[in-house]
C-alpha atoms as a PDB file:
ATOM      1  CA  ALA A   1    -198.104   9.014 -26.059  1.00  0.00           C
ATOM      2  CA  VAL A   2    -195.628   9.082 -23.175  1.00  0.00           C
ATOM      3  CA  CYS A   3    -191.853   9.052 -23.724  1.00  0.00           C
ATOM      4  CA  VAL A   4    -189.493   8.667 -20.766  1.00  0.00           C
ATOM      5  CA  ILE A   5    -186.076  10.206 -21.397  1.00  0.00           C
ATOM      6  CA  GLY A   6    -183.051   9.480 -19.211  1.00  0.00           C
ATOM      7  CA  THR A   7    -180.822  12.533 -18.729  1.00  0.00           C
ATOM      8  CA  PRO A   8    -177.448  12.723 -16.968  1.00  0.00           C
ATOM      9  CA  ASP A   9    -178.256  15.944 -15.086  1.00  0.00           C
ATOM     10  CA  LEU A  10    -181.998  15.690 -14.406  1.00  0.00           C
ATOM     11  CA  GLY A  11    -182.626  11.963 -14.160  1.00  0.00           C
ATOM     12  CA  LYS A  12    -185.734  10.677 -15.890  1.00  0.00           C
ATOM     13  CA  VAL A  13    -188.042  13.154 -17.635  1.00  0.00           C
ATOM     14  CA  ALA A  14    -191.467  12.103 -18.932  1.00  0.00           C
ATOM     15  CA  VAL A  15    -192.689  13.821 -22.099  1.00  0.00           C
ATOM     16  CA  VAL A  16    -196.453  13.466 -22.508  1.00  0.00           C
ATOM     17  CA  CYS A  17    -197.841  14.227 -25.991  1.00  0.00           C
ATOM     18  CA  VAL A  18    -201.432  15.438 -25.687  1.00  0.00           C
ATOM     19  CA  GLY A  19    -203.579  15.407 -28.808  1.00  0.00           C
ATOM     20  CA  ALA A  20    -206.269  18.095 -28.711  1.00  0.00           C
ATOM     21  CA  THR A  21    -209.458  18.429 -30.748  1.00  0.00           C
ATOM     22  CA  LEU A  22    -209.046  17.629 -34.448  1.00  0.00           C
ATOM     23  CA  VAL A  23    -205.677  15.897 -34.048  1.00  0.00           C
ATOM     24  CA  GLY A  24    -205.531  13.010 -36.482  1.00  0.00           C
ATOM     25  CA  SER A  25    -202.599  11.324 -34.780  1.00  0.00           C
ATOM     26  CA  ILE A  26    -199.329  11.695 -32.933  1.00  0.00           C
ATOM     27  CA  VAL A  27    -196.315  10.398 -34.868  1.00  0.00           C
ATOM     28  CA  LEU A  28    -193.238   9.457 -32.827  1.00  0.00           C
ATOM     29  CA  THR A  29    -190.075   9.518 -34.932  1.00  0.00           C
ATOM     30  CA  ALA A  30    -187.750   8.419 -32.115  1.00  0.00           C
ATOM     31  CA  SER A  31    -187.618   4.764 -31.120  1.00  0.00           C
ATOM     32  CA  VAL A  32    -187.057   3.094 -27.746  1.00  0.00           C
ATOM     33  CA  GLY A  33    -183.353   3.294 -26.951  1.00  0.00           C
ATOM     34  CA  ASP A  34    -182.622   6.216 -29.310  1.00  0.00           C
ATOM     35  CA  GLU A  35    -180.504   9.074 -27.997  1.00  0.00           C
ATOM     36  CA  VAL A  36    -182.364  12.361 -28.437  1.00  0.00           C
ATOM     37  CA  GLN A  37    -180.490  15.657 -28.258  1.00  0.00           C
ATOM     38  CA  ALA A  38    -182.027  18.910 -27.023  1.00  0.00           C
ATOM     39  CA  GLY A  39    -184.082  20.458 -29.826  1.00  0.00           C
ATOM     40  CA  GLN A  40    -184.061  17.286 -31.931  1.00  0.00           C
ATOM     41  CA  GLU A  41    -187.386  16.115 -33.347  1.00  0.00           C
ATOM     42  CA  MET A  42    -188.813  13.130 -31.502  1.00  0.00           C
ATOM     43  CA  GLY A  43    -192.251  13.276 -33.071  1.00  0.00           C
ATOM     44  CA  TYR A  44    -195.018  15.507 -34.340  1.00  0.00           C
ATOM     45  CA  PHE A  45    -198.771  16.055 -34.317  1.00  0.00           C
ATOM     46  CA  GLN A  46    -200.773  15.608 -37.489  1.00  0.00           C
ATOM     47  CA  PHE A  47    -203.470  18.209 -38.166  1.00  0.00           C
ATOM     48  CA  GLY A  48    -204.651  20.484 -35.376  1.00  0.00           C
ATOM     49  CA  GLY A  49    -203.389  22.060 -32.195  1.00  0.00           C
ATOM     50  CA  SER A  50    -201.948  20.053 -29.352  1.00  0.00           C
ATOM     51  CA  THR A  51    -199.452  20.337 -26.546  1.00  0.00           C
ATOM     52  CA  VAL A  52    -196.576  18.571 -24.852  1.00  0.00           C
ATOM     53  CA  VAL A  53    -196.221  18.249 -21.075  1.00  0.00           C
ATOM     54  CA  ALA A  54    -192.774  17.630 -19.581  1.00  0.00           C
ATOM     55  CA  VAL A  55    -192.778  16.000 -16.139  1.00  0.00           C
ATOM     56  CA  PHE A  56    -189.623  16.332 -14.021  1.00  0.00           C
ATOM     57  CA  ARG A  57    -188.654  14.864 -10.678  1.00  0.00           C
ATOM     58  CA  GLU A  58    -189.372  17.187  -7.754  1.00  0.00           C
ATOM     59  CA  GLY A  59    -186.560  19.689  -7.322  1.00  0.00           C
ATOM     60  CA  ALA A  60    -185.072  19.125 -10.796  1.00  0.00           C
ATOM     61  CA  ILE A  61    -186.120  22.528 -12.203  1.00  0.00           C
ATOM     62  CA  ASP A  62    -187.046  26.038 -11.082  1.00  0.00           C
ATOM     63  CA  ILE A  63    -190.040  27.384 -13.038  1.00  0.00           C
ATOM     64  CA  GLU A  64    -190.017  31.092 -13.895  1.00  0.00           C
ATOM     65  CA  ALA A  65    -191.784  33.175 -11.231  1.00  0.00           C
ATOM     66  CA  ASP A  66    -194.148  34.900 -13.699  1.00  0.00           C
ATOM     67  CA  LEU A  67    -195.440  31.531 -14.927  1.00  0.00           C
ATOM     68  CA  LEU A  68    -196.023  30.334 -11.373  1.00  0.00           C
ATOM     69  CA  GLU A  69    -197.907  33.553 -10.611  1.00  0.00           C
ATOM     70  CA  GLN A  70    -200.072  33.216 -13.734  1.00  0.00           C
ATOM     71  CA  SER A  71    -200.792  29.555 -12.972  1.00  0.00           C
ATOM     72  CA  GLY A  72    -201.718  30.430  -9.395  1.00  0.00           C
ATOM     73  CA  ARG A  73    -204.376  32.774 -10.787  1.00  0.00           C
ATOM     74  CA  SER A  74    -205.551  30.176 -13.371  1.00  0.00           C
ATOM     75  CA  VAL A  75    -204.422  32.430 -16.221  1.00  0.00           C
ATOM     76  CA  GLU A  76    -203.535  30.673 -19.479  1.00  0.00           C
ATOM     77  CA  THR A  77    -200.137  31.748 -20.807  1.00  0.00           C
ATOM     78  CA  LYS A  78    -199.183  31.364 -24.462  1.00  0.00           C
ATOM     79  CA  LEU A  79    -195.628  30.119 -24.919  1.00  0.00           C
ATOM     80  CA  PHE A  80    -193.512  29.786 -28.027  1.00  0.00           C
ATOM     81  CA  MET A  81    -191.034  27.052 -28.924  1.00  0.00           C
ATOM     82  CA  GLY A  82    -187.629  27.887 -27.518  1.00  0.00           C
ATOM     83  CA  GLU A  83    -188.986  30.345 -24.951  1.00  0.00           C
ATOM     84  CA  HIS A  84    -187.280  30.177 -21.548  1.00  0.00           C
ATOM     85  CA  ILE A  85    -189.695  28.831 -18.915  1.00  0.00           C
ATOM     86  CA  ALA A  86    -187.455  27.187 -16.301  1.00  0.00           C
ATOM     87  CA  THR A  87    -183.894  26.701 -15.101  1.00  0.00           C
ATOM     88  CA  THR A  88    -182.431  23.286 -14.384  1.00  0.00           C
ATOM     89  CA  ARG A  89    -180.834  22.238 -11.141  1.00  0.00           C
ATOM     90  CA  LYS A  90    -178.023  20.022 -12.392  1.00  0.00           C
ATOM     91  CA  ASN A  91    -177.600  16.647 -10.702  1.00  0.00           C
ATOM     92  CA  ALA A  92    -180.878  17.011  -8.803  1.00  0.00           C
ATOM     93  CA  ASP A  93    -181.328  14.257  -6.239  1.00  0.00           C
END
């Protein structure tokens, strides 16, 4: 599932829900046109491990240097919900 969110500071952000092995389904609890606040549930995965990919416009965020270094070496990095991974550039053009 792909959700496109309009934000005042970052423009449009695409959130791609990726169901991995043994995922029964992806349930979206937000509807088209809903306002979603940071940290608010917009959906969930049923049974199994999965991931979410956030896609920003070029120049909208600065990703933490250690994550860029790990990615450059093809090293998988485990992250936890709420962990700081990037800084926004407000009103990115």
